[in-house]
Amino acid sequence: MNAKLYVCTTCRAGEPVVEGQPVPGARLHAALTAADAPDGVTIVPTECLSACSNGCAVALAGPGRWSYVYGRLTDADAPDILSGAAAYASTADGIVPWRERPVIFRKQSLARIPPQEN
């Protein structure tokens, strides 16, 4: 199943912008793309997920599936994010059983969005 992992590359996570240095969202995107994306997962950079007060954010979405937005993430969370994305991609409806989700996905969910109707 095809799933998309959207990564906000403009997230500043409350840090000041330092010219010439990547913001935390860009560092998170770099950490995710430096690792191998799980089968069925495409990593997509995006400019804003409107979760600015919640640090770095990512979203998982797929056709006919529930979508999720997660926040308060850092580049150190990349392995758990990719693990959670793999679990999400393996579902038909986007619902991963609670205990099979990485802890960051259990504790740092910002939104759950119903599947879009065609």
PDB file of N, CA and C in Angstrom:
ATOM      1  N   MET A   1       0.839  -1.182   0.000  1.00  0.00           N
ATOM      2  CA  MET A   1       0.000   0.000   0.000  1.00  0.00           C
ATOM      3  C   MET A   1       0.885   1.248   0.000  1.00  0.00           C
ATOM      4  N   ASN A   2       0.452   2.251  -0.726  1.00  0.00           N
ATOM      5  CA  ASN A   2       1.242   3.476  -0.814  1.00  0.00           C
ATOM      6  C   ASN A   2       0.826   4.462   0.274  1.00  0.00           C
ATOM      7  N   ALA A   3       1.785   4.915   1.038  1.00  0.00           N
ATOM      8  CA  ALA A   3       1.550   5.914   2.082  1.00  0.00           C
ATOM      9  C   ALA A   3       2.540   7.046   1.887  1.00  0.00           C
ATOM     10  N   LYS A   4       2.119   8.242   2.265  1.00  0.00           N
ATOM     11  CA  LYS A   4       3.009   9.391   2.181  1.00  0.00           C
ATOM     12  C   LYS A   4       3.299   9.904   3.578  1.00  0.00           C
ATOM     13  N   LEU A   5       4.566  10.166   3.819  1.00  0.00           N
ATOM     14  CA  LEU A   5       5.026  10.771   5.060  1.00  0.00           C
ATOM     15  C   LEU A   5       5.430  12.199   4.715  1.00  0.00           C
ATOM     16  N   TYR A   6       4.578  13.143   5.094  1.00  0.00           N
ATOM     17  CA  TYR A   6       4.842  14.556   4.844  1.00  0.00           C
ATOM     18  C   TYR A   6       5.670  15.108   5.999  1.00  0.00           C
ATOM     19  N   VAL A   7       6.725  15.841   5.672  1.00  0.00           N
ATOM     20  CA  VAL A   7       7.620  16.396   6.683  1.00  0.00           C
ATOM     21  C   VAL A   7       7.679  17.912   6.497  1.00  0.00           C
ATOM     22  N   CYS A   8       7.307  18.639   7.539  1.00  0.00           N
ATOM     23  CA  CYS A   8       7.369  20.093   7.485  1.00  0.00           C
ATOM     24  C   CYS A   8       8.842  20.512   7.543  1.00  0.00           C
ATOM     25  N   THR A   9       9.311  21.061   6.451  1.00  0.00           N
ATOM     26  CA  THR A   9      10.722  21.451   6.379  1.00  0.00           C
ATOM     27  C   THR A   9      10.966  22.875   6.863  1.00  0.00           C
ATOM     28  N   THR A  10       9.876  23.585   7.200  1.00  0.00           N
ATOM     29  CA  THR A  10      10.032  24.963   7.673  1.00  0.00           C
ATOM     30  C   THR A  10       9.864  25.086   9.181  1.00  0.00           C
ATOM     31  N   CYS A  11       9.565  23.982   9.865  1.00  0.00           N
ATOM     32  CA  CYS A  11       9.379  24.023  11.317  1.00  0.00           C
ATOM     33  C   CYS A  11      10.646  24.543  11.990  1.00  0.00           C
ATOM     34  N   ARG A  12      10.442  25.504  12.889  1.00  0.00           N
ATOM     35  CA  ARG A  12      11.579  26.057  13.631  1.00  0.00           C
ATOM     36  C   ARG A  12      11.632  25.514  15.049  1.00  0.00           C
ATOM     37  N   ALA A  13      10.562  24.899  15.508  1.00  0.00           N
ATOM     38  CA  ALA A  13      10.510  24.304  16.851  1.00  0.00           C
ATOM     39  C   ALA A  13      10.936  25.288  17.935  1.00  0.00           C
ATOM     40  N   GLY A  14      10.595  26.549  17.738  1.00  0.00           N
ATOM     41  CA  GLY A  14      10.908  27.550  18.748  1.00  0.00           C
ATOM     42  C   GLY A  14      12.340  28.040  18.730  1.00  0.00           C
ATOM     43  N   GLU A  15      13.154  27.507  17.836  1.00  0.00           N
ATOM     44  CA  GLU A  15      14.555  27.943  17.756  1.00  0.00           C
ATOM     45  C   GLU A  15      14.672  29.179  16.879  1.00  0.00           C
ATOM     46  N   PRO A  16      15.603  30.060  17.190  1.00  0.00           N
ATOM     47  CA  PRO A  16      15.819  31.211  16.311  1.00  0.00           C
ATOM     48  C   PRO A  16      16.437  30.744  14.992  1.00  0.00           C
ATOM     49  N   VAL A  17      16.108  31.449  13.934  1.00  0.00           N
ATOM     50  CA  VAL A  17      16.688  31.134  12.631  1.00  0.00           C
ATOM     51  C   VAL A  17      18.104  31.682  12.589  1.00  0.00           C
ATOM     52  N   VAL A  18      19.052  30.831  12.234  1.00  0.00           N
ATOM     53  CA  VAL A  18      20.448  31.235  12.086  1.00  0.00           C
ATOM     54  C   VAL A  18      20.785  31.114  10.606  1.00  0.00           C
ATOM     55  N   GLU A  19      21.117  32.236  10.011  1.00  0.00           N
ATOM     56  CA  GLU A  19      21.397  32.246   8.581  1.00  0.00           C
ATOM     57  C   GLU A  19      22.457  31.197   8.221  1.00  0.00           C
ATOM     58  N   GLY A  20      22.163  30.446   7.191  1.00  0.00           N
ATOM     59  CA  GLY A  20      23.085  29.407   6.731  1.00  0.00           C
ATOM     60  C   GLY A  20      22.941  28.080   7.451  1.00  0.00           C
ATOM     61  N   GLN A  21      22.120  28.033   8.496  1.00  0.00           N
ATOM     62  CA  GLN A  21      21.918  26.784   9.244  1.00  0.00           C
ATOM     63  C   GLN A  21      20.505  26.261   8.980  1.00  0.00           C
ATOM     64  N   PRO A  22      20.357  24.942   8.800  1.00  0.00           N
ATOM     65  CA  PRO A  22      19.014  24.406   8.573  1.00  0.00           C
ATOM     66  C   PRO A  22      18.160  24.498   9.836  1.00  0.00           C
ATOM     67  N   VAL A  23      16.875  24.778   9.636  1.00  0.00           N
ATOM     68  CA  VAL A  23      15.934  24.817  10.760  1.00  0.00           C
ATOM     69  C   VAL A  23      15.652  23.372  11.190  1.00  0.00           C
ATOM     70  N   PRO A  24      15.110  23.169  12.395  1.00  0.00           N
ATOM     71  CA  PRO A  24      14.860  21.809  12.877  1.00  0.00           C
ATOM     72  C   PRO A  24      14.028  20.940  11.928  1.00  0.00           C
ATOM     73  N   GLY A  25      13.038  21.518  11.266  1.00  0.00           N
ATOM     74  CA  GLY A  25      12.234  20.737  10.322  1.00  0.00           C
ATOM     75  C   GLY A  25      13.060  20.223   9.154  1.00  0.00           C
ATOM     76  N   ALA A  26      13.961  21.048   8.658  1.00  0.00           N
ATOM     77  CA  ALA A  26      14.844  20.622   7.567  1.00  0.00           C
ATOM     78  C   ALA A  26      15.805  19.535   8.053  1.00  0.00           C
ATOM     79  N   ARG A  27      16.265  19.656   9.308  1.00  0.00           N
ATOM     80  CA  ARG A  27      17.147  18.612   9.862  1.00  0.00           C
ATOM     81  C   ARG A  27      16.386  17.296  10.009  1.00  0.00           C
ATOM     82  N   LEU A  28      15.122  17.375  10.426  1.00  0.00           N
ATOM     83  CA  LEU A  28      14.313  16.163  10.541  1.00  0.00           C
ATOM     84  C   LEU A  28      14.128  15.523   9.166  1.00  0.00           C
ATOM     85  N   HIS A  29      13.803  16.324   8.172  1.00  0.00           N
ATOM     86  CA  HIS A  29      13.651  15.786   6.809  1.00  0.00           C
ATOM     87  C   HIS A  29      14.943  15.125   6.337  1.00  0.00           C
ATOM     88  N   ALA A  30      16.079  15.769   6.590  1.00  0.00           N
ATOM     89  CA  ALA A  30      17.369  15.203   6.179  1.00  0.00           C
ATOM     90  C   ALA A  30      17.630  13.870   6.875  1.00  0.00           C
ATOM     91  N   ALA A  31      17.304  13.778   8.163  1.00  0.00           N
ATOM     92  CA  ALA A  31      17.510  12.516   8.895  1.00  0.00           C
ATOM     93  C   ALA A  31      16.615  11.414   8.344  1.00  0.00           C
ATOM     94  N   LEU A  32      15.391  11.762   7.982  1.00  0.00           N
ATOM     95  CA  LEU A  32      14.472  10.757   7.444  1.00  0.00           C
ATOM     96  C   LEU A  32      14.902  10.287   6.067  1.00  0.00           C
ATOM     97  N   THR A  33      15.342  11.211   5.223  1.00  0.00           N
ATOM     98  CA  THR A  33      15.737  10.815   3.870  1.00  0.00           C
ATOM     99  C   THR A  33      17.114  10.158   3.845  1.00  0.00           C
ATOM    100  N   ALA A  34      17.925  10.369   4.876  1.00  0.00           N
ATOM    101  CA  ALA A  34      19.236   9.706   4.948  1.00  0.00           C
ATOM    102  C   ALA A  34      19.074   8.221   5.224  1.00  0.00           C
ATOM    103  N   ALA A  35      17.976   7.849   5.861  1.00  0.00           N
ATOM    104  CA  ALA A  35      17.683   6.438   6.119  1.00  0.00           C
ATOM    105  C   ALA A  35      16.852   5.923   4.946  1.00  0.00           C
ATOM    106  N   ASP A  36      16.779   4.632   4.828  1.00  0.00           N
ATOM    107  CA  ASP A  36      15.955   4.051   3.772  1.00  0.00           C
ATOM    108  C   ASP A  36      14.485   4.159   4.158  1.00  0.00           C
ATOM    109  N   ALA A  37      13.689   4.726   3.265  1.00  0.00           N
ATOM    110  CA  ALA A  37      12.246   4.790   3.518  1.00  0.00           C
ATOM    111  C   ALA A  37      11.699   3.364   3.495  1.00  0.00           C
ATOM    112  N   PRO A  38      10.779   3.049   4.383  1.00  0.00           N
ATOM    113  CA  PRO A  38      10.179   1.714   4.391  1.00  0.00           C
ATOM    114  C   PRO A  38       9.442   1.437   3.079  1.00  0.00           C
ATOM    115  N   ASP A  39       9.282   0.166   2.752  1.00  0.00           N
ATOM    116  CA  ASP A  39       8.510  -0.200   1.572  1.00  0.00           C
ATOM    117  C   ASP A  39       7.121   0.402   1.657  1.00  0.00           C
ATOM    118  N   GLY A  40       6.672   0.968   0.562  1.00  0.00           N
ATOM    119  CA  GLY A  40       5.340   1.534   0.508  1.00  0.00           C
ATOM    120  C   GLY A  40       5.215   2.924   1.075  1.00  0.00           C
ATOM    121  N   VAL A  41       6.333   3.535   1.479  1.00  0.00           N
ATOM    122  CA  VAL A  41       6.302   4.882   2.068  1.00  0.00           C
ATOM    123  C   VAL A  41       7.125   5.832   1.199  1.00  0.00           C
ATOM    124  N   THR A  42       6.520   6.949   0.856  1.00  0.00           N
ATOM    125  CA  THR A  42       7.209   8.012   0.133  1.00  0.00           C
ATOM    126  C   THR A  42       7.349   9.195   1.083  1.00  0.00           C
ATOM    127  N   ILE A  43       8.568   9.700   1.239  1.00  0.00           N
ATOM    128  CA  ILE A  43       8.817  10.865   2.104  1.00  0.00           C
ATOM    129  C   ILE A  43       8.681  12.118   1.249  1.00  0.00           C
ATOM    130  N   VAL A  44       7.791  13.013   1.684  1.00  0.00           N
ATOM    131  CA  VAL A  44       7.477  14.202   0.903  1.00  0.00           C
ATOM    132  C   VAL A  44       7.759  15.453   1.742  1.00  0.00           C
ATOM    133  N   PRO A  45       8.697  16.304   1.304  1.00  0.00           N
ATOM    134  CA  PRO A  45       8.904  17.560   2.020  1.00  0.00           C
ATOM    135  C   PRO A  45       7.736  18.490   1.736  1.00  0.00           C
ATOM    136  N   THR A  46       7.326  19.223   2.749  1.00  0.00           N
ATOM    137  CA  THR A  46       6.249  20.198   2.586  1.00  0.00           C
ATOM    138  C   THR A  46       6.603  21.444   3.382  1.00  0.00           C
ATOM    139  N   GLU A  47       6.012  22.570   3.008  1.00  0.00           N
ATOM    140  CA  GLU A  47       6.426  23.824   3.632  1.00  0.00           C
ATOM    141  C   GLU A  47       5.770  24.145   4.950  1.00  0.00           C
ATOM    142  N   CYS A  48       4.572  23.716   5.220  1.00  0.00           N
ATOM    143  CA  CYS A  48       3.983  24.039   6.514  1.00  0.00           C
ATOM    144  C   CYS A  48       2.803  23.125   6.781  1.00  0.00           C
ATOM    145  N   LEU A  49       2.775  22.549   7.961  1.00  0.00           N
ATOM    146  CA  LEU A  49       1.647  21.727   8.389  1.00  0.00           C
ATOM    147  C   LEU A  49       0.790  22.476   9.411  1.00  0.00           C
ATOM    148  N   SER A  50       1.070  23.744   9.621  1.00  0.00           N
ATOM    149  CA  SER A  50       0.320  24.601  10.553  1.00  0.00           C
ATOM    150  C   SER A  50       0.251  24.017  11.959  1.00  0.00           C
ATOM    151  N   ALA A  51       1.348  23.434  12.396  1.00  0.00           N
ATOM    152  CA  ALA A  51       1.452  22.917  13.761  1.00  0.00           C
ATOM    153  C   ALA A  51       2.596  23.632  14.476  1.00  0.00           C
ATOM    154  N   CYS A  52       2.777  24.878  14.151  1.00  0.00           N
ATOM    155  CA  CYS A  52       3.946  25.647  14.572  1.00  0.00           C
ATOM    156  C   CYS A  52       4.182  25.666  16.077  1.00  0.00           C
ATOM    157  N   SER A  53       3.142  25.666  16.864  1.00  0.00           N
ATOM    158  CA  SER A  53       3.338  25.710  18.314  1.00  0.00           C
ATOM    159  C   SER A  53       3.656  24.340  18.894  1.00  0.00           C
ATOM    160  N   ASN A  54       3.764  23.341  18.036  1.00  0.00           N
ATOM    161  CA  ASN A  54       4.022  21.970  18.480  1.00  0.00           C
ATOM    162  C   ASN A  54       5.340  21.418  17.959  1.00  0.00           C
ATOM    163  N   GLY A  55       6.293  22.274  17.680  1.00  0.00           N
ATOM    164  CA  GLY A  55       7.607  21.812  17.229  1.00  0.00           C
ATOM    165  C   GLY A  55       7.543  21.189  15.858  1.00  0.00           C
ATOM    166  N   CYS A  56       8.532  20.378  15.533  1.00  0.00           N
ATOM    167  CA  CYS A  56       8.577  19.738  14.219  1.00  0.00           C
ATOM    168  C   CYS A  56       7.402  18.788  14.073  1.00  0.00           C
ATOM    169  N   ALA A  57       6.820  18.807  12.874  1.00  0.00           N
ATOM    170  CA  ALA A  57       5.632  17.997  12.625  1.00  0.00           C
ATOM    171  C   ALA A  57       5.782  17.173  11.353  1.00  0.00           C
ATOM    172  N   VAL A  58       5.116  16.019  11.369  1.00  0.00           N
ATOM    173  CA  VAL A  58       4.994  15.162  10.196  1.00  0.00           C
ATOM    174  C   VAL A  58       3.529  14.747  10.084  1.00  0.00           C
ATOM    175  N   ALA A  59       3.143  14.298   8.905  1.00  0.00           N
ATOM    176  CA  ALA A  59       1.797  13.775   8.697  1.00  0.00           C
ATOM    177  C   ALA A  59       1.898  12.501   7.876  1.00  0.00           C
ATOM    178  N   LEU A  60       1.024  11.560   8.187  1.00  0.00           N
ATOM    179  CA  LEU A  60       0.918  10.316   7.412  1.00  0.00           C
ATOM    180  C   LEU A  60      -0.437  10.296   6.739  1.00  0.00           C
ATOM    181  N   ALA A  61      -0.449   9.963   5.451  1.00  0.00           N
ATOM    182  CA  ALA A  61      -1.698   9.908   4.704  1.00  0.00           C
ATOM    183  C   ALA A  61      -1.584   8.858   3.612  1.00  0.00           C
ATOM    184  N   GLY A  62      -2.723   8.337   3.220  1.00  0.00           N
ATOM    185  CA  GLY A  62      -2.781   7.379   2.127  1.00  0.00           C
ATOM    186  C   GLY A  62      -4.199   7.268   1.622  1.00  0.00           C
ATOM    187  N   PRO A  63      -4.365   6.822   0.395  1.00  0.00           N
ATOM    188  CA  PRO A  63      -5.696   6.715  -0.186  1.00  0.00           C
ATOM    189  C   PRO A  63      -6.614   5.823   0.653  1.00  0.00           C
ATOM    190  N   GLY A  64      -7.795   6.341   0.986  1.00  0.00           N
ATOM    191  CA  GLY A  64      -8.777   5.569   1.728  1.00  0.00           C
ATOM    192  C   GLY A  64      -8.422   5.298   3.176  1.00  0.00           C
ATOM    193  N   ARG A  65      -7.426   6.005   3.700  1.00  0.00           N
ATOM    194  CA  ARG A  65      -6.962   5.764   5.077  1.00  0.00           C
ATOM    195  C   ARG A  65      -7.184   6.978   5.955  1.00  0.00           C
ATOM    196  N   TRP A  66      -7.230   6.721   7.260  1.00  0.00           N
ATOM    197  CA  TRP A  66      -7.160   7.798   8.234  1.00  0.00           C
ATOM    198  C   TRP A  66      -5.801   8.463   8.075  1.00  0.00           C
ATOM    199  N   SER A  67      -5.744   9.761   8.281  1.00  0.00           N
ATOM    200  CA  SER A  67      -4.487  10.508   8.249  1.00  0.00           C
ATOM    201  C   SER A  67      -4.170  10.980   9.658  1.00  0.00           C
ATOM    202  N   TYR A  68      -2.892  11.161   9.940  1.00  0.00           N
ATOM    203  CA  TYR A  68      -2.443  11.565  11.271  1.00  0.00           C
ATOM    204  C   TYR A  68      -1.414  12.671  11.156  1.00  0.00           C
ATOM    205  N   VAL A  69      -1.421  13.584  12.122  1.00  0.00           N
ATOM    206  CA  VAL A  69      -0.392  14.615  12.245  1.00  0.00           C
ATOM    207  C   VAL A  69       0.262  14.417  13.606  1.00  0.00           C
ATOM    208  N   TYR A  70       1.598  14.380  13.616  1.00  0.00           N
ATOM    209  CA  TYR A  70       2.364  14.198  14.851  1.00  0.00           C
ATOM    210  C   TYR A  70       3.294  15.381  15.032  1.00  0.00           C
ATOM    211  N   GLY A  71       3.508  15.801  16.276  1.00  0.00           N
ATOM    212  CA  GLY A  71       4.368  16.942  16.550  1.00  0.00           C
ATOM    213  C   GLY A  71       5.347  16.687  17.673  1.00  0.00           C
ATOM    214  N   ARG A  72       6.103  17.736  17.992  1.00  0.00           N
ATOM    215  CA  ARG A  72       7.146  17.690  19.020  1.00  0.00           C
ATOM    216  C   ARG A  72       8.209  16.645  18.667  1.00  0.00           C
ATOM    217  N   LEU A  73       8.611  16.634  17.410  1.00  0.00           N
ATOM    218  CA  LEU A  73       9.576  15.651  16.918  1.00  0.00           C
ATOM    219  C   LEU A  73      10.920  16.314  16.654  1.00  0.00           C
ATOM    220  N   THR A  74      11.974  15.497  16.667  1.00  0.00           N
ATOM    221  CA  THR A  74      13.316  15.970  16.328  1.00  0.00           C
ATOM    222  C   THR A  74      13.953  14.966  15.385  1.00  0.00           C
ATOM    223  N   ASP A  75      15.116  15.326  14.865  1.00  0.00           N
ATOM    224  CA  ASP A  75      15.816  14.403  13.966  1.00  0.00           C
ATOM    225  C   ASP A  75      16.208  13.111  14.683  1.00  0.00           C
ATOM    226  N   ALA A  76      16.337  13.143  16.008  1.00  0.00           N
ATOM    227  CA  ALA A  76      16.640  11.924  16.769  1.00  0.00           C
ATOM    228  C   ALA A  76      15.477  10.930  16.734  1.00  0.00           C
ATOM    229  N   ASP A  77      14.280  11.407  16.389  1.00  0.00           N
ATOM    230  CA  ASP A  77      13.105  10.537  16.318  1.00  0.00           C
ATOM    231  C   ASP A  77      12.962   9.826  14.973  1.00  0.00           C
ATOM    232  N   ALA A  78      13.855  10.078  14.045  1.00  0.00           N
ATOM    233  CA  ALA A  78      13.727   9.520  12.698  1.00  0.00           C
ATOM    234  C   ALA A  78      13.495   8.006  12.684  1.00  0.00           C
ATOM    235  N   PRO A  79      14.249   7.191  13.434  1.00  0.00           N
ATOM    236  CA  PRO A  79      13.996   5.743  13.390  1.00  0.00           C
ATOM    237  C   PRO A  79      12.573   5.368  13.826  1.00  0.00           C
ATOM    238  N   ASP A  80      12.061   6.014  14.874  1.00  0.00           N
ATOM    239  CA  ASP A  80      10.700   5.726  15.331  1.00  0.00           C
ATOM    240  C   ASP A  80       9.661   6.214  14.329  1.00  0.00           C
ATOM    241  N   ILE A  81       9.905   7.356  13.711  1.00  0.00           N
ATOM    242  CA  ILE A  81       8.974   7.869  12.701  1.00  0.00           C
ATOM    243  C   ILE A  81       8.905   6.895  11.533  1.00  0.00           C
ATOM    244  N   LEU A  82      10.049   6.411  11.086  1.00  0.00           N
ATOM    245  CA  LEU A  82      10.064   5.473   9.960  1.00  0.00           C
ATOM    246  C   LEU A  82       9.421   4.140  10.331  1.00  0.00           C
ATOM    247  N   SER A  83       9.625   3.699  11.554  1.00  0.00           N
ATOM    248  CA  SER A  83       8.972   2.477  12.033  1.00  0.00           C
ATOM    249  C   SER A  83       7.453   2.648  12.038  1.00  0.00           C
ATOM    250  N   GLY A  84       6.994   3.786  12.538  1.00  0.00           N
ATOM    251  CA  GLY A  84       5.563   4.062  12.558  1.00  0.00           C
ATOM    252  C   GLY A  84       4.993   4.196  11.156  1.00  0.00           C
ATOM    253  N   ALA A  85       5.757   4.796  10.249  1.00  0.00           N
ATOM    254  CA  ALA A  85       5.305   4.936   8.862  1.00  0.00           C
ATOM    255  C   ALA A  85       5.187   3.570   8.196  1.00  0.00           C
ATOM    256  N   ALA A  86       6.114   2.674   8.496  1.00  0.00           N
ATOM    257  CA  ALA A  86       6.048   1.316   7.938  1.00  0.00           C
ATOM    258  C   ALA A  86       4.805   0.594   8.433  1.00  0.00           C
ATOM    259  N   ALA A  87       4.505   0.731   9.721  1.00  0.00           N
ATOM    260  CA  ALA A  87       3.310   0.091  10.279  1.00  0.00           C
ATOM    261  C   ALA A  87       2.061   0.677   9.634  1.00  0.00           C
ATOM    262  N   TYR A  88       2.031   1.984   9.462  1.00  0.00           N
ATOM    263  CA  TYR A  88       0.905   2.655   8.826  1.00  0.00           C
ATOM    264  C   TYR A  88       0.731   2.155   7.394  1.00  0.00           C
ATOM    265  N   ALA A  89       1.831   2.069   6.643  1.00  0.00           N
ATOM    266  CA  ALA A  89       1.770   1.640   5.242  1.00  0.00           C
ATOM    267  C   ALA A  89       1.245   0.222   5.093  1.00  0.00           C
ATOM    268  N   SER A  90       1.431  -0.595   6.110  1.00  0.00           N
ATOM    269  CA  SER A  90       0.998  -1.994   6.021  1.00  0.00           C
ATOM    270  C   SER A  90      -0.493  -2.182   6.316  1.00  0.00           C
ATOM    271  N   THR A  91      -1.184  -1.104   6.683  1.00  0.00           N
ATOM    272  CA  THR A  91      -2.613  -1.199   6.976  1.00  0.00           C
ATOM    273  C   THR A  91      -3.442  -0.800   5.759  1.00  0.00           C
ATOM    274  N   ALA A  92      -4.666  -1.299   5.718  1.00  0.00           N
ATOM    275  CA  ALA A  92      -5.586  -0.914   4.648  1.00  0.00           C
ATOM    276  C   ALA A  92      -6.325   0.373   4.990  1.00  0.00           C
ATOM    277  N   ASP A  93      -6.501   0.649   6.297  1.00  0.00           N
ATOM    278  CA  ASP A  93      -7.311   1.789   6.713  1.00  0.00           C
ATOM    279  C   ASP A  93      -6.526   2.869   7.458  1.00  0.00           C
ATOM    280  N   GLY A  94      -5.232   2.657   7.685  1.00  0.00           N
ATOM    281  CA  GLY A  94      -4.404   3.638   8.381  1.00  0.00           C
ATOM    282  C   GLY A  94      -4.423   3.505   9.890  1.00  0.00           C
ATOM    283  N   ILE A  95      -5.193   2.565  10.412  1.00  0.00           N
ATOM    284  CA  ILE A  95      -5.274   2.404  11.857  1.00  0.00           C
ATOM    285  C   ILE A  95      -4.314   1.295  12.299  1.00  0.00           C
ATOM    286  N   VAL A  96      -3.263   1.709  12.979  1.00  0.00           N
ATOM    287  CA  VAL A  96      -2.279   0.777  13.530  1.00  0.00           C
ATOM    288  C   VAL A  96      -2.698   0.486  14.968  1.00  0.00           C
ATOM    289  N   PRO A  97      -2.776  -0.785  15.371  1.00  0.00           N
ATOM    290  CA  PRO A  97      -3.135  -1.078  16.762  1.00  0.00           C
ATOM    291  C   PRO A  97      -2.241  -0.296  17.732  1.00  0.00           C
ATOM    292  N   TRP A  98      -2.864   0.201  18.805  1.00  0.00           N
ATOM    293  CA  TRP A  98      -2.211   1.084  19.764  1.00  0.00           C
ATOM    294  C   TRP A  98      -0.840   0.587  20.190  1.00  0.00           C
ATOM    295  N   ARG A  99      -0.729  -0.643  20.624  1.00  0.00           N
ATOM    296  CA  ARG A  99       0.539  -1.169  21.152  1.00  0.00           C
ATOM    297  C   ARG A  99       1.602  -1.386  20.083  1.00  0.00           C
ATOM    298  N   GLU A 100       1.209  -1.359  18.816  1.00  0.00           N
ATOM    299  CA  GLU A 100       2.166  -1.532  17.724  1.00  0.00           C
ATOM    300  C   GLU A 100       2.717  -0.195  17.228  1.00  0.00           C
ATOM    301  N   ARG A 101       2.197   0.896  17.768  1.00  0.00           N
ATOM    302  CA  ARG A 101       2.680   2.222  17.378  1.00  0.00           C
ATOM    303  C   ARG A 101       3.908   2.588  18.201  1.00  0.00           C
ATOM    304  N   PRO A 102       4.869   3.291  17.598  1.00  0.00           N
ATOM    305  CA  PRO A 102       5.981   3.811  18.407  1.00  0.00           C
ATOM    306  C   PRO A 102       5.415   4.741  19.489  1.00  0.00           C
ATOM    307  N   VAL A 103       6.094   4.832  20.604  1.00  0.00           N
ATOM    308  CA  VAL A 103       5.627   5.664  21.717  1.00  0.00           C
ATOM    309  C   VAL A 103       5.381   7.101  21.264  1.00  0.00           C
ATOM    310  N   ILE A 104       6.250   7.642  20.415  1.00  0.00           N
ATOM    311  CA  ILE A 104       6.044   9.026  19.971  1.00  0.00           C
ATOM    312  C   ILE A 104       4.733   9.174  19.212  1.00  0.00           C
ATOM    313  N   PHE A 105       4.285   8.134  18.519  1.00  0.00           N
ATOM    314  CA  PHE A 105       3.011   8.205  17.810  1.00  0.00           C
ATOM    315  C   PHE A 105       1.838   8.044  18.775  1.00  0.00           C
ATOM    316  N   ARG A 106       2.047   7.371  19.881  1.00  0.00           N
ATOM    317  CA  ARG A 106       0.985   7.246  20.889  1.00  0.00           C
ATOM    318  C   ARG A 106       0.818   8.555  21.658  1.00  0.00           C
ATOM    319  N   LYS A 107       1.934   9.200  21.977  1.00  0.00           N
ATOM    320  CA  LYS A 107       1.927  10.355  22.881  1.00  0.00           C
ATOM    321  C   LYS A 107       1.921  11.711  22.181  1.00  0.00           C
ATOM    322  N   GLN A 108       2.304  11.760  20.911  1.00  0.00           N
ATOM    323  CA  GLN A 108       2.520  13.045  20.262  1.00  0.00           C
ATOM    324  C   GLN A 108       1.620  13.276  19.049  1.00  0.00           C
ATOM    325  N   SER A 109       0.484  12.608  19.037  1.00  0.00           N
ATOM    326  CA  SER A 109      -0.481  12.808  17.958  1.00  0.00           C
ATOM    327  C   SER A 109      -1.183  14.140  18.145  1.00  0.00           C
ATOM    328  N   LEU A 110      -1.231  14.930  17.089  1.00  0.00           N
ATOM    329  CA  LEU A 110      -1.897  16.228  17.128  1.00  0.00           C
ATOM    330  C   LEU A 110      -3.275  16.178  16.488  1.00  0.00           C
ATOM    331  N   ALA A 111      -3.447  15.309  15.497  1.00  0.00           N
ATOM    332  CA  ALA A 111      -4.728  15.226  14.800  1.00  0.00           C
ATOM    333  C   ALA A 111      -4.875  13.867  14.127  1.00  0.00           C
ATOM    334  N   ARG A 112      -6.135  13.453  14.051  1.00  0.00           N
ATOM    335  CA  ARG A 112      -6.519  12.232  13.326  1.00  0.00           C
ATOM    336  C   ARG A 112      -7.641  12.663  12.395  1.00  0.00           C
ATOM    337  N   ILE A 113      -7.469  12.438  11.098  1.00  0.00           N
ATOM    338  CA  ILE A 113      -8.382  12.954  10.088  1.00  0.00           C
ATOM    339  C   ILE A 113      -9.021  11.784   9.352  1.00  0.00           C
ATOM    340  N   PRO A 114     -10.352  11.749   9.231  1.00  0.00           N
ATOM    341  CA  PRO A 114     -11.015  10.633   8.546  1.00  0.00           C
ATOM    342  C   PRO A 114     -10.594  10.528   7.086  1.00  0.00           C
ATOM    343  N   PRO A 115     -10.732   9.333   6.524  1.00  0.00           N
ATOM    344  CA  PRO A 115     -10.426   9.171   5.096  1.00  0.00           C
ATOM    345  C   PRO A 115     -11.300  10.090   4.256  1.00  0.00           C
ATOM    346  N   GLN A 116     -10.737  10.593   3.201  1.00  0.00           N
ATOM    347  CA  GLN A 116     -11.489  11.442   2.276  1.00  0.00           C
ATOM    348  C   GLN A 116     -12.348  10.587   1.364  1.00  0.00           C
ATOM    349  N   GLU A 117     -13.567  11.001   1.163  1.00  0.00           N
ATOM    350  CA  GLU A 117     -14.445  10.283   0.248  1.00  0.00           C
ATOM    351  C   GLU A 117     -14.142  10.703  -1.172  1.00  0.00           C
ATOM    352  N   ASN A 118     -14.279   9.764  -2.074  1.00  0.00           N
ATOM    353  CA  ASN A 118     -14.006  10.076  -3.497  1.00  0.00           C
ATOM    354  C   ASN A 118     -15.217  10.687  -4.156  1.00  0.00           C
TER     355      ASN A 118
END
